[in-house]
């Protein structure tokens, strides 16, 4: 229930932006390390871990921002560049250039591409060309493949990114807790309703 509400809220945020902006990722990447639209189906855990990896890489000396593009809808009005990561990466990087001149990694169902300061980077692109496209392009698998691509790029640049601590997986427990609270609340309400009926039948004033 909680995850469904989170996905709904994210969709409400991303949908208006995608309709109003020619390139939604360019807005998000001005401030955030990654653009993760709802149709990538990444959990909050996977998104948090991916962003933690990007921060760790930056601290170690390798800065990159990542755009995950799962569908044409994620492209806003530039759908012509969908599944053309090597064209979209410099396009996106150029849009970010006035505030961010670092590396921009684009991840699409058919592969990866990287650009820097509005231009392709042939050396780093050669590293990405050796990697298979993310499979599946959704959820934990997509997050893991993207993390692997970032690590490969960092290694190529001579930067070592250490292993990240695993976060406590609490989504299942949270869901169970929600169900328990809802059930408990229902029991309380039914108990109060039963008490009112009882007092009415006894002809006594309600407590």
N, C-alpha and C. Protein backbone atom coordinates (compact mmCIF):
# COMPACT_ATOMS: atom_id res chain seq x y z
N UNK A 1 0.83 -1.20 0.00
CA UNK A 1 0.00 0.00 0.00
C UNK A 1 0.87 1.25 0.00
N UNK A 2 1.89 1.25 0.91
CA UNK A 2 2.77 2.41 1.01
C UNK A 2 3.54 2.62 -0.29
N UNK A 3 4.05 1.51 -0.87
CA UNK A 3 4.82 1.62 -2.12
C UNK A 3 3.93 2.13 -3.26
N UNK A 4 2.65 1.67 -3.29
CA UNK A 4 1.74 2.14 -4.33
C UNK A 4 1.50 3.63 -4.21
N UNK A 5 1.36 4.11 -2.97
CA UNK A 5 1.16 5.54 -2.76
C UNK A 5 2.38 6.34 -3.18
N UNK A 6 3.58 5.81 -2.89
CA UNK A 6 4.81 6.49 -3.28
C UNK A 6 4.90 6.59 -4.79
N UNK A 7 4.62 5.47 -5.49
CA UNK A 7 4.67 5.47 -6.96
C UNK A 7 3.66 6.47 -7.53
N UNK A 8 2.47 6.51 -6.92
CA UNK A 8 1.45 7.45 -7.39
C UNK A 8 1.92 8.89 -7.22
N UNK A 9 2.49 9.21 -6.07
CA UNK A 9 2.97 10.56 -5.83
C UNK A 9 4.09 10.93 -6.79
N UNK A 10 5.00 10.00 -7.06
CA UNK A 10 6.08 10.26 -8.00
C UNK A 10 5.52 10.50 -9.39
N UNK A 11 4.50 9.71 -9.75
CA UNK A 11 3.90 9.88 -11.07
C UNK A 11 3.26 11.26 -11.19
N UNK A 12 2.61 11.71 -10.11
CA UNK A 12 1.98 13.02 -10.14
C UNK A 12 3.01 14.13 -10.30
N UNK A 13 4.23 13.89 -9.80
CA UNK A 13 5.29 14.88 -9.94
C UNK A 13 5.88 14.86 -11.34
N UNK A 14 6.14 13.65 -11.85
CA UNK A 14 6.84 13.53 -13.12
C UNK A 14 5.94 13.82 -14.32
N UNK A 15 4.67 13.43 -14.26
CA UNK A 15 3.80 13.56 -15.41
C UNK A 15 3.61 15.01 -15.85
N UNK A 16 3.26 15.95 -14.95
CA UNK A 16 3.12 17.33 -15.40
C UNK A 16 4.41 17.88 -15.97
N UNK A 17 5.54 17.49 -15.37
CA UNK A 17 6.82 18.00 -15.85
C UNK A 17 7.12 17.49 -17.24
N UNK A 18 6.84 16.20 -17.48
CA UNK A 18 7.11 15.63 -18.79
C UNK A 18 6.25 16.29 -19.86
N UNK A 19 5.04 16.70 -19.50
CA UNK A 19 4.17 17.35 -20.46
C UNK A 19 4.59 18.78 -20.73
N UNK A 20 5.12 19.44 -19.70
CA UNK A 20 5.42 20.86 -19.83
C UNK A 20 6.83 21.12 -20.34
N UNK A 21 7.73 20.15 -20.16
CA UNK A 21 9.13 20.36 -20.47
C UNK A 21 9.54 19.46 -21.61
N UNK A 22 10.40 19.98 -22.52
CA UNK A 22 10.86 19.16 -23.61
C UNK A 22 11.77 18.05 -23.15
N UNK A 23 12.35 18.19 -21.96
CA UNK A 23 13.35 17.24 -21.50
C UNK A 23 13.35 17.18 -19.97
N UNK A 24 12.49 16.38 -19.36
CA UNK A 24 12.36 16.35 -17.90
C UNK A 24 13.67 16.07 -17.16
N UNK A 25 14.51 15.17 -17.70
CA UNK A 25 15.75 14.80 -17.01
C UNK A 25 16.65 16.00 -16.79
N UNK A 26 16.63 16.95 -17.72
CA UNK A 26 17.51 18.11 -17.59
C UNK A 26 17.16 18.97 -16.39
N UNK A 27 15.89 18.97 -15.99
CA UNK A 27 15.49 19.72 -14.80
C UNK A 27 15.94 19.01 -13.53
N UNK A 28 15.71 17.70 -13.47
CA UNK A 28 16.05 16.96 -12.26
C UNK A 28 17.55 16.88 -12.04
N UNK A 29 18.32 16.71 -13.10
CA UNK A 29 19.75 16.53 -12.94
C UNK A 29 20.49 17.82 -12.62
N UNK A 30 19.82 18.94 -12.67
CA UNK A 30 20.45 20.19 -12.23
C UNK A 30 20.68 20.18 -10.72
N UNK A 31 19.85 19.44 -10.01
CA UNK A 31 19.94 19.40 -8.56
C UNK A 31 20.21 18.01 -8.00
N UNK A 32 19.71 16.98 -8.67
CA UNK A 32 19.80 15.62 -8.15
C UNK A 32 20.85 14.81 -8.90
N UNK A 33 21.41 13.79 -8.24
CA UNK A 33 22.42 12.96 -8.90
C UNK A 33 21.85 12.01 -9.93
N UNK A 34 20.53 11.76 -9.87
CA UNK A 34 19.95 10.81 -10.81
C UNK A 34 18.53 11.21 -11.17
N UNK A 35 18.13 10.79 -12.36
CA UNK A 35 16.75 10.95 -12.83
C UNK A 35 16.17 9.55 -12.92
N UNK A 36 15.22 9.25 -12.02
CA UNK A 36 14.64 7.91 -11.93
C UNK A 36 13.12 8.03 -12.05
N UNK A 37 12.58 7.98 -13.26
CA UNK A 37 11.13 8.10 -13.43
C UNK A 37 10.40 6.87 -12.92
N UNK A 38 9.11 6.98 -12.64
CA UNK A 38 8.35 5.87 -12.05
C UNK A 38 8.35 4.59 -12.88
N UNK A 39 8.39 4.71 -14.22
CA UNK A 39 8.28 3.50 -15.03
C UNK A 39 9.54 2.65 -15.03
N UNK A 40 10.59 3.09 -14.32
CA UNK A 40 11.76 2.23 -14.14
C UNK A 40 11.53 1.20 -13.03
N UNK A 41 10.49 1.44 -12.23
CA UNK A 41 10.09 0.51 -11.17
C UNK A 41 11.18 0.27 -10.13
N UNK A 42 12.04 1.26 -9.91
CA UNK A 42 13.03 1.14 -8.85
C UNK A 42 12.36 1.39 -7.51
N UNK A 43 12.67 0.54 -6.54
CA UNK A 43 12.15 0.76 -5.20
C UNK A 43 12.90 1.92 -4.55
N UNK A 44 12.37 2.41 -3.45
CA UNK A 44 13.05 3.48 -2.74
C UNK A 44 14.42 3.00 -2.24
N UNK A 45 14.51 1.72 -1.89
CA UNK A 45 15.78 1.14 -1.45
C UNK A 45 16.82 1.21 -2.57
N UNK A 46 16.43 0.74 -3.79
CA UNK A 46 17.37 0.72 -4.91
C UNK A 46 17.77 2.13 -5.33
N UNK A 47 16.81 3.04 -5.31
CA UNK A 47 17.12 4.43 -5.67
C UNK A 47 18.09 5.04 -4.67
N UNK A 48 17.85 4.79 -3.39
CA UNK A 48 18.73 5.32 -2.35
C UNK A 48 20.14 4.75 -2.49
N UNK A 49 20.25 3.47 -2.78
CA UNK A 49 21.56 2.85 -2.94
C UNK A 49 22.29 3.39 -4.17
N UNK A 50 21.55 3.59 -5.27
CA UNK A 50 22.16 4.15 -6.47
C UNK A 50 22.70 5.55 -6.21
N UNK A 51 21.90 6.37 -5.55
CA UNK A 51 22.35 7.73 -5.24
C UNK A 51 23.52 7.73 -4.26
N UNK A 52 23.51 6.77 -3.34
CA UNK A 52 24.63 6.65 -2.40
C UNK A 52 25.91 6.29 -3.15
N UNK A 53 25.78 5.43 -4.16
CA UNK A 53 26.94 5.07 -4.97
C UNK A 53 27.48 6.28 -5.72
N UNK A 54 26.59 7.08 -6.27
CA UNK A 54 27.01 8.27 -7.01
C UNK A 54 27.70 9.27 -6.09
N UNK A 55 27.19 9.40 -4.87
CA UNK A 55 27.85 10.30 -3.91
C UNK A 55 29.21 9.77 -3.50
N UNK A 56 29.29 8.44 -3.31
CA UNK A 56 30.57 7.84 -2.93
C UNK A 56 31.59 8.00 -4.04
N UNK A 57 31.15 7.84 -5.29
CA UNK A 57 32.04 8.02 -6.43
C UNK A 57 32.53 9.46 -6.50
N UNK A 58 31.64 10.40 -6.24
CA UNK A 58 32.01 11.81 -6.27
C UNK A 58 33.04 12.11 -5.19
N UNK A 59 32.81 11.58 -4.01
CA UNK A 59 33.75 11.79 -2.91
C UNK A 59 35.13 11.21 -3.23
N UNK A 60 35.12 10.08 -3.95
CA UNK A 60 36.38 9.43 -4.30
C UNK A 60 37.09 10.12 -5.46
N UNK A 61 36.35 10.99 -6.17
CA UNK A 61 36.98 11.73 -7.25
C UNK A 61 36.38 11.52 -8.62
N UNK A 62 35.24 10.81 -8.70
CA UNK A 62 34.60 10.59 -10.00
C UNK A 62 33.15 11.07 -9.93
N UNK A 63 32.87 12.17 -10.58
CA UNK A 63 31.53 12.76 -10.54
C UNK A 63 30.77 12.43 -11.82
N UNK A 64 29.56 11.91 -11.65
CA UNK A 64 28.70 11.60 -12.79
C UNK A 64 27.25 11.68 -12.33
N UNK A 65 26.40 12.16 -13.21
CA UNK A 65 24.96 12.16 -12.95
C UNK A 65 24.30 11.23 -13.96
N UNK A 66 23.23 10.59 -13.54
CA UNK A 66 22.66 9.48 -14.31
C UNK A 66 21.20 9.74 -14.65
N UNK A 67 20.85 9.49 -15.91
CA UNK A 67 19.46 9.58 -16.35
C UNK A 67 19.01 8.20 -16.81
N UNK A 68 18.03 7.64 -16.13
CA UNK A 68 17.44 6.37 -16.54
C UNK A 68 16.22 6.67 -17.41
N UNK A 69 16.22 6.15 -18.61
CA UNK A 69 15.14 6.42 -19.57
C UNK A 69 14.51 5.10 -19.98
N UNK A 70 13.33 4.82 -19.46
CA UNK A 70 12.69 3.52 -19.71
C UNK A 70 11.74 3.55 -20.90
N UNK A 71 11.20 4.71 -21.23
CA UNK A 71 10.20 4.77 -22.30
C UNK A 71 10.24 6.14 -22.98
N UNK A 72 9.50 6.25 -24.07
CA UNK A 72 9.42 7.53 -24.78
C UNK A 72 8.84 8.62 -23.90
N UNK A 73 7.95 8.21 -22.99
CA UNK A 73 7.30 9.21 -22.14
C UNK A 73 8.31 9.93 -21.26
N UNK A 74 9.38 9.25 -20.89
CA UNK A 74 10.41 9.86 -20.05
C UNK A 74 11.21 10.92 -20.80
N UNK A 75 11.04 10.99 -22.12
CA UNK A 75 11.79 11.93 -22.93
C UNK A 75 11.07 13.27 -23.09
N UNK A 76 9.85 13.36 -22.57
CA UNK A 76 9.10 14.59 -22.78
C UNK A 76 8.77 14.75 -24.26
N UNK A 77 9.17 15.87 -24.84
CA UNK A 77 8.86 16.13 -26.25
C UNK A 77 10.00 15.76 -27.20
N UNK A 78 11.09 15.21 -26.66
CA UNK A 78 12.21 14.83 -27.54
C UNK A 78 12.24 13.31 -27.72
N UNK A 79 11.07 12.74 -27.98
CA UNK A 79 10.96 11.29 -28.13
C UNK A 79 11.75 10.77 -29.32
N UNK A 80 12.10 11.62 -30.25
CA UNK A 80 12.86 11.19 -31.41
C UNK A 80 14.23 10.62 -31.00
N UNK A 81 14.70 10.98 -29.81
CA UNK A 81 16.00 10.50 -29.34
C UNK A 81 15.90 9.26 -28.45
N UNK A 82 14.69 8.72 -28.31
CA UNK A 82 14.54 7.51 -27.50
C UNK A 82 15.26 6.35 -28.18
N UNK A 83 15.97 5.55 -27.40
CA UNK A 83 16.80 4.44 -27.87
C UNK A 83 17.94 4.92 -28.77
N UNK A 84 18.31 6.18 -28.58
CA UNK A 84 19.50 6.73 -29.25
C UNK A 84 20.38 7.38 -28.17
N UNK A 85 20.87 6.57 -27.24
CA UNK A 85 21.60 7.14 -26.10
C UNK A 85 22.82 7.96 -26.49
N UNK A 86 23.51 7.58 -27.57
CA UNK A 86 24.72 8.31 -27.96
C UNK A 86 24.40 9.68 -28.54
N UNK A 87 23.17 9.90 -28.94
CA UNK A 87 22.74 11.23 -29.38
C UNK A 87 22.14 12.01 -28.21
N UNK A 88 21.42 11.28 -27.36
CA UNK A 88 20.74 11.96 -26.26
C UNK A 88 21.71 12.42 -25.17
N UNK A 89 22.78 11.64 -24.92
CA UNK A 89 23.72 12.00 -23.86
C UNK A 89 24.33 13.39 -24.07
N UNK A 90 24.90 13.71 -25.25
CA UNK A 90 25.43 15.07 -25.44
C UNK A 90 24.33 16.13 -25.46
N UNK A 91 23.15 15.76 -25.94
CA UNK A 91 22.01 16.69 -25.93
C UNK A 91 21.66 17.07 -24.49
N UNK A 92 21.55 16.06 -23.62
CA UNK A 92 21.22 16.30 -22.22
C UNK A 92 22.35 17.05 -21.53
N UNK A 93 23.57 16.65 -21.80
CA UNK A 93 24.72 17.31 -21.19
C UNK A 93 24.79 18.78 -21.59
N UNK A 94 24.43 19.08 -22.82
CA UNK A 94 24.44 20.46 -23.28
C UNK A 94 23.40 21.29 -22.53
N UNK A 95 22.26 20.69 -22.24
CA UNK A 95 21.22 21.40 -21.50
C UNK A 95 21.62 21.68 -20.06
N UNK A 96 22.44 20.81 -19.50
CA UNK A 96 22.89 20.98 -18.11
C UNK A 96 24.10 21.90 -18.01
N UNK A 97 24.73 22.18 -19.13
CA UNK A 97 26.05 22.80 -19.16
C UNK A 97 26.15 24.13 -18.42
N UNK A 98 25.09 24.92 -18.40
CA UNK A 98 25.20 26.25 -17.79
C UNK A 98 25.32 26.18 -16.27
N UNK A 99 24.96 25.03 -15.68
CA UNK A 99 25.12 24.85 -14.23
C UNK A 99 25.97 23.64 -13.86
N UNK A 100 26.05 22.68 -14.76
CA UNK A 100 26.78 21.44 -14.47
C UNK A 100 27.56 21.02 -15.71
N UNK A 101 28.87 20.98 -15.59
CA UNK A 101 29.72 20.63 -16.73
C UNK A 101 30.34 19.24 -16.60
N UNK A 102 29.91 18.49 -15.60
CA UNK A 102 30.50 17.16 -15.38
C UNK A 102 29.91 16.10 -16.30
N UNK A 103 30.22 14.87 -15.97
CA UNK A 103 29.78 13.73 -16.79
C UNK A 103 28.28 13.49 -16.62
N UNK A 104 27.65 13.08 -17.72
CA UNK A 104 26.24 12.71 -17.70
C UNK A 104 26.09 11.35 -18.36
N UNK A 105 25.63 10.38 -17.59
CA UNK A 105 25.45 9.02 -18.09
C UNK A 105 23.98 8.78 -18.40
N UNK A 106 23.71 8.35 -19.61
CA UNK A 106 22.34 8.02 -20.03
C UNK A 106 22.21 6.51 -20.13
N UNK A 107 21.16 5.99 -19.52
CA UNK A 107 20.91 4.54 -19.53
C UNK A 107 19.56 4.30 -20.20
N UNK A 108 19.58 3.58 -21.32
CA UNK A 108 18.36 3.26 -22.06
C UNK A 108 18.27 1.74 -22.24
N UNK A 109 17.12 1.23 -22.65
CA UNK A 109 16.97 -0.22 -22.81
C UNK A 109 17.97 -0.85 -23.77
N UNK A 110 18.49 -0.07 -24.70
CA UNK A 110 19.43 -0.64 -25.68
C UNK A 110 20.89 -0.28 -25.38
N UNK A 111 21.17 0.31 -24.22
CA UNK A 111 22.56 0.54 -23.88
C UNK A 111 22.83 1.85 -23.16
N UNK A 112 24.13 2.17 -23.05
CA UNK A 112 24.60 3.33 -22.29
C UNK A 112 25.30 4.33 -23.21
N UNK A 113 25.32 5.57 -22.72
CA UNK A 113 26.11 6.60 -23.40
C UNK A 113 26.51 7.64 -22.38
N UNK A 114 27.64 8.31 -22.62
CA UNK A 114 28.12 9.32 -21.68
C UNK A 114 28.62 10.54 -22.44
N UNK A 115 28.43 11.68 -21.82
CA UNK A 115 28.91 12.94 -22.39
C UNK A 115 29.41 13.82 -21.26
N UNK A 116 30.20 14.81 -21.63
CA UNK A 116 30.75 15.72 -20.63
C UNK A 116 30.87 17.10 -21.24
N UNK A 117 30.37 18.09 -20.51
CA UNK A 117 30.43 19.47 -20.98
C UNK A 117 29.79 19.61 -22.36
N UNK A 118 28.72 18.85 -22.57
CA UNK A 118 27.98 18.96 -23.82
C UNK A 118 28.57 18.18 -24.99
N UNK A 119 29.62 17.38 -24.73
CA UNK A 119 30.28 16.66 -25.82
C UNK A 119 30.45 15.19 -25.46
N UNK A 120 30.42 14.29 -26.46
CA UNK A 120 30.69 12.87 -26.20
C UNK A 120 32.11 12.68 -25.67
N UNK A 121 32.29 11.60 -24.92
CA UNK A 121 33.62 11.26 -24.41
C UNK A 121 33.99 9.90 -25.00
N UNK A 122 34.76 9.86 -26.09
CA UNK A 122 35.07 8.60 -26.78
C UNK A 122 35.74 7.57 -25.88
N UNK A 123 36.66 8.01 -25.02
CA UNK A 123 37.36 7.07 -24.15
C UNK A 123 36.43 6.36 -23.19
N UNK A 124 35.57 7.11 -22.53
CA UNK A 124 34.64 6.50 -21.57
C UNK A 124 33.52 5.76 -22.30
N UNK A 125 33.16 6.24 -23.48
CA UNK A 125 32.13 5.53 -24.25
C UNK A 125 32.61 4.14 -24.64
N UNK A 126 33.92 4.00 -24.90
CA UNK A 126 34.47 2.69 -25.25
C UNK A 126 34.30 1.70 -24.09
N UNK A 127 34.39 2.21 -22.86
CA UNK A 127 34.17 1.37 -21.69
C UNK A 127 32.72 0.89 -21.65
N UNK A 128 31.79 1.79 -21.91
CA UNK A 128 30.37 1.46 -21.88
C UNK A 128 29.97 0.51 -23.00
N UNK A 129 30.63 0.66 -24.15
CA UNK A 129 30.28 -0.19 -25.30
C UNK A 129 30.59 -1.66 -25.04
N UNK A 130 31.43 -1.94 -24.06
CA UNK A 130 31.77 -3.33 -23.73
C UNK A 130 30.72 -3.96 -22.81
N UNK A 131 29.83 -3.15 -22.28
CA UNK A 131 28.83 -3.66 -21.35
C UNK A 131 27.55 -4.04 -22.08
N UNK A 132 26.91 -5.13 -21.68
CA UNK A 132 25.61 -5.47 -22.27
C UNK A 132 24.54 -4.50 -21.77
N UNK A 133 23.49 -4.28 -22.55
CA UNK A 133 22.40 -3.42 -22.08
C UNK A 133 21.78 -3.96 -20.79
N UNK A 134 21.23 -3.09 -19.97
CA UNK A 134 20.59 -3.56 -18.73
C UNK A 134 19.49 -4.57 -19.01
N UNK A 135 19.48 -5.65 -18.25
CA UNK A 135 18.46 -6.68 -18.45
C UNK A 135 18.17 -7.36 -17.11
N UNK A 136 16.94 -7.20 -16.60
CA UNK A 136 15.82 -6.47 -17.17
C UNK A 136 15.97 -4.96 -16.97
N UNK A 137 15.24 -4.21 -17.77
CA UNK A 137 15.31 -2.75 -17.62
C UNK A 137 14.22 -2.31 -16.65
N UNK A 138 14.38 -2.72 -15.41
CA UNK A 138 13.40 -2.38 -14.37
C UNK A 138 13.92 -2.85 -13.02
N UNK A 139 13.51 -2.16 -11.99
CA UNK A 139 13.74 -2.60 -10.62
C UNK A 139 15.18 -2.79 -10.22
N UNK A 140 15.39 -3.78 -9.36
CA UNK A 140 16.70 -4.02 -8.78
C UNK A 140 17.74 -4.37 -9.84
N UNK A 141 17.33 -5.08 -10.89
CA UNK A 141 18.25 -5.45 -11.95
C UNK A 141 18.80 -4.23 -12.67
N UNK A 142 17.93 -3.27 -12.95
CA UNK A 142 18.35 -2.04 -13.60
C UNK A 142 19.28 -1.24 -12.69
N UNK A 143 18.95 -1.16 -11.42
CA UNK A 143 19.81 -0.44 -10.47
C UNK A 143 21.19 -1.07 -10.39
N UNK A 144 21.24 -2.41 -10.36
CA UNK A 144 22.52 -3.12 -10.26
C UNK A 144 23.35 -2.91 -11.51
N UNK A 145 22.73 -3.00 -12.69
CA UNK A 145 23.47 -2.82 -13.95
C UNK A 145 23.98 -1.39 -14.08
N UNK A 146 23.18 -0.43 -13.65
CA UNK A 146 23.61 0.96 -13.69
C UNK A 146 24.79 1.18 -12.75
N UNK A 147 24.71 0.60 -11.56
CA UNK A 147 25.81 0.71 -10.60
C UNK A 147 27.08 0.09 -11.17
N UNK A 148 26.94 -1.03 -11.87
CA UNK A 148 28.11 -1.68 -12.48
C UNK A 148 28.74 -0.79 -13.54
N UNK A 149 27.90 -0.11 -14.30
CA UNK A 149 28.42 0.80 -15.33
C UNK A 149 29.18 1.96 -14.69
N UNK A 150 28.65 2.50 -13.61
CA UNK A 150 29.31 3.60 -12.91
C UNK A 150 30.66 3.13 -12.36
N UNK A 151 30.69 1.95 -11.78
CA UNK A 151 31.93 1.42 -11.23
C UNK A 151 32.96 1.19 -12.33
N UNK A 152 32.51 0.70 -13.49
CA UNK A 152 33.43 0.47 -14.60
C UNK A 152 34.04 1.78 -15.08
N UNK A 153 33.22 2.83 -15.16
CA UNK A 153 33.72 4.14 -15.57
C UNK A 153 34.71 4.70 -14.55
N UNK A 154 34.36 4.56 -13.29
CA UNK A 154 35.25 5.07 -12.23
C UNK A 154 36.59 4.34 -12.26
N UNK A 155 36.54 3.02 -12.44
CA UNK A 155 37.77 2.24 -12.50
C UNK A 155 38.63 2.68 -13.68
N UNK A 156 37.99 2.92 -14.82
CA UNK A 156 38.70 3.40 -16.01
C UNK A 156 39.41 4.72 -15.73
N UNK A 157 38.79 5.55 -14.89
CA UNK A 157 39.37 6.85 -14.54
C UNK A 157 40.37 6.75 -13.39
N UNK A 158 40.62 5.54 -12.92
CA UNK A 158 41.57 5.36 -11.84
C UNK A 158 41.01 5.64 -10.46
N UNK A 159 39.69 5.58 -10.35
CA UNK A 159 39.03 5.86 -9.08
C UNK A 159 38.38 4.58 -8.56
N UNK A 160 38.66 4.25 -7.32
CA UNK A 160 38.08 3.06 -6.71
C UNK A 160 36.91 3.45 -5.83
N UNK A 161 35.76 2.84 -6.10
CA UNK A 161 34.56 3.10 -5.30
C UNK A 161 34.31 1.88 -4.44
N UNK A 162 34.37 2.05 -3.14
CA UNK A 162 34.19 0.93 -2.22
C UNK A 162 32.76 0.43 -2.17
N UNK A 163 32.60 -0.73 -1.55
CA UNK A 163 31.27 -1.33 -1.41
C UNK A 163 30.42 -0.48 -0.48
N UNK A 164 29.17 -0.37 -0.79
CA UNK A 164 28.24 0.41 0.03
C UNK A 164 27.61 -0.47 1.10
N UNK A 165 27.37 0.07 2.29
CA UNK A 165 26.67 -0.71 3.31
C UNK A 165 25.23 -0.94 2.89
N UNK A 166 24.74 -2.14 3.15
CA UNK A 166 23.36 -2.45 2.79
C UNK A 166 22.40 -1.76 3.76
N UNK A 167 21.37 -1.19 3.18
CA UNK A 167 20.36 -0.56 4.02
C UNK A 167 19.43 -1.62 4.59
N UNK A 168 18.80 -1.29 5.66
CA UNK A 168 17.84 -2.21 6.26
C UNK A 168 16.59 -2.26 5.41
N UNK A 169 16.29 -3.44 4.89
CA UNK A 169 15.09 -3.59 4.06
C UNK A 169 13.88 -3.63 4.96
N UNK A 170 13.08 -2.58 4.89
CA UNK A 170 11.95 -2.48 5.83
C UNK A 170 10.61 -2.39 5.14
N UNK A 171 10.61 -2.52 3.79
CA UNK A 171 9.34 -2.34 3.07
C UNK A 171 8.32 -3.40 3.47
N UNK A 172 8.79 -4.68 3.60
CA UNK A 172 7.85 -5.73 3.97
C UNK A 172 7.33 -5.52 5.38
N UNK A 173 8.22 -5.18 6.31
CA UNK A 173 7.79 -4.95 7.68
C UNK A 173 6.86 -3.77 7.77
N UNK A 174 7.15 -2.72 6.98
CA UNK A 174 6.29 -1.54 7.00
C UNK A 174 4.90 -1.89 6.53
N UNK A 175 4.84 -2.74 5.49
CA UNK A 175 3.53 -3.14 4.96
C UNK A 175 2.77 -3.93 6.01
N UNK A 176 3.46 -4.85 6.68
CA UNK A 176 2.79 -5.63 7.73
C UNK A 176 2.33 -4.74 8.86
N UNK A 177 3.18 -3.77 9.24
CA UNK A 177 2.80 -2.85 10.31
C UNK A 177 1.56 -2.06 9.92
N UNK A 178 1.51 -1.60 8.66
CA UNK A 178 0.35 -0.85 8.21
C UNK A 178 -0.91 -1.70 8.34
N UNK A 179 -0.80 -2.96 7.95
CA UNK A 179 -1.98 -3.84 8.02
C UNK A 179 -2.40 -4.05 9.47
N UNK A 180 -1.43 -4.20 10.35
CA UNK A 180 -1.74 -4.39 11.77
C UNK A 180 -2.44 -3.17 12.34
N UNK A 181 -1.92 -1.97 11.99
CA UNK A 181 -2.54 -0.74 12.50
C UNK A 181 -3.97 -0.58 11.97
N UNK A 182 -4.15 -0.91 10.70
CA UNK A 182 -5.50 -0.79 10.12
C UNK A 182 -6.45 -1.76 10.79
N UNK A 183 -5.98 -3.01 10.98
CA UNK A 183 -6.83 -4.02 11.62
C UNK A 183 -7.15 -3.62 13.06
N UNK A 184 -6.14 -3.12 13.77
CA UNK A 184 -6.37 -2.70 15.16
C UNK A 184 -7.37 -1.56 15.22
N UNK A 185 -7.24 -0.62 14.30
CA UNK A 185 -8.18 0.49 14.27
C UNK A 185 -9.59 0.02 14.00
N UNK A 186 -9.73 -0.95 13.10
CA UNK A 186 -11.06 -1.48 12.79
C UNK A 186 -11.67 -2.16 14.00
N UNK A 187 -10.83 -2.91 14.74
CA UNK A 187 -11.31 -3.59 15.95
C UNK A 187 -11.79 -2.58 16.98
N UNK A 188 -11.03 -1.51 17.16
CA UNK A 188 -11.41 -0.47 18.12
C UNK A 188 -12.74 0.15 17.73
N UNK A 189 -12.89 0.47 16.46
CA UNK A 189 -14.14 1.09 16.00
C UNK A 189 -15.33 0.16 16.18
N UNK A 190 -15.11 -1.12 15.84
CA UNK A 190 -16.20 -2.08 16.02
C UNK A 190 -16.56 -2.25 17.49
N UNK A 191 -15.56 -2.24 18.35
CA UNK A 191 -15.81 -2.36 19.80
C UNK A 191 -16.61 -1.18 20.32
N UNK A 192 -16.22 0.02 19.89
CA UNK A 192 -16.96 1.22 20.32
C UNK A 192 -18.38 1.19 19.80
N UNK A 193 -18.55 0.77 18.53
CA UNK A 193 -19.90 0.71 17.97
C UNK A 193 -20.75 -0.30 18.71
N UNK A 194 -20.14 -1.46 19.05
CA UNK A 194 -20.88 -2.47 19.80
C UNK A 194 -21.27 -1.97 21.17
N UNK A 195 -20.41 -1.21 21.82
CA UNK A 195 -20.71 -0.67 23.14
C UNK A 195 -21.88 0.29 23.09
N UNK A 196 -21.92 1.12 22.05
CA UNK A 196 -23.03 2.07 21.91
C UNK A 196 -24.34 1.33 21.75
N UNK A 197 -24.33 0.28 20.90
CA UNK A 197 -25.56 -0.50 20.70
C UNK A 197 -25.99 -1.15 22.01
N UNK A 198 -25.03 -1.69 22.75
CA UNK A 198 -25.35 -2.35 24.02
C UNK A 198 -26.00 -1.38 25.00
N UNK A 199 -25.42 -0.22 25.13
CA UNK A 199 -25.96 0.76 26.08
C UNK A 199 -27.33 1.24 25.65
N UNK A 200 -27.55 1.35 24.35
CA UNK A 200 -28.86 1.79 23.88
C UNK A 200 -29.92 0.75 24.20
N UNK A 201 -29.60 -0.53 24.02
CA UNK A 201 -30.55 -1.60 24.28
C UNK A 201 -30.85 -1.71 25.78
N UNK A 202 -29.92 -1.38 26.61
CA UNK A 202 -30.12 -1.42 28.07
C UNK A 202 -30.87 -0.19 28.54
N UNK A 203 -31.07 0.76 27.65
CA UNK A 203 -31.76 1.97 28.04
C UNK A 203 -30.93 2.89 28.89
N UNK A 204 -29.61 2.69 28.82
CA UNK A 204 -28.73 3.50 29.63
C UNK A 204 -28.11 4.59 28.77
N UNK A 205 -27.76 5.69 29.42
CA UNK A 205 -27.11 6.75 28.66
C UNK A 205 -25.75 6.26 28.13
N UNK A 206 -25.40 6.76 26.95
CA UNK A 206 -24.11 6.36 26.35
C UNK A 206 -22.95 6.87 27.19
N UNK A 207 -21.88 6.08 27.30
CA UNK A 207 -20.71 6.53 28.07
C UNK A 207 -20.02 7.66 27.33
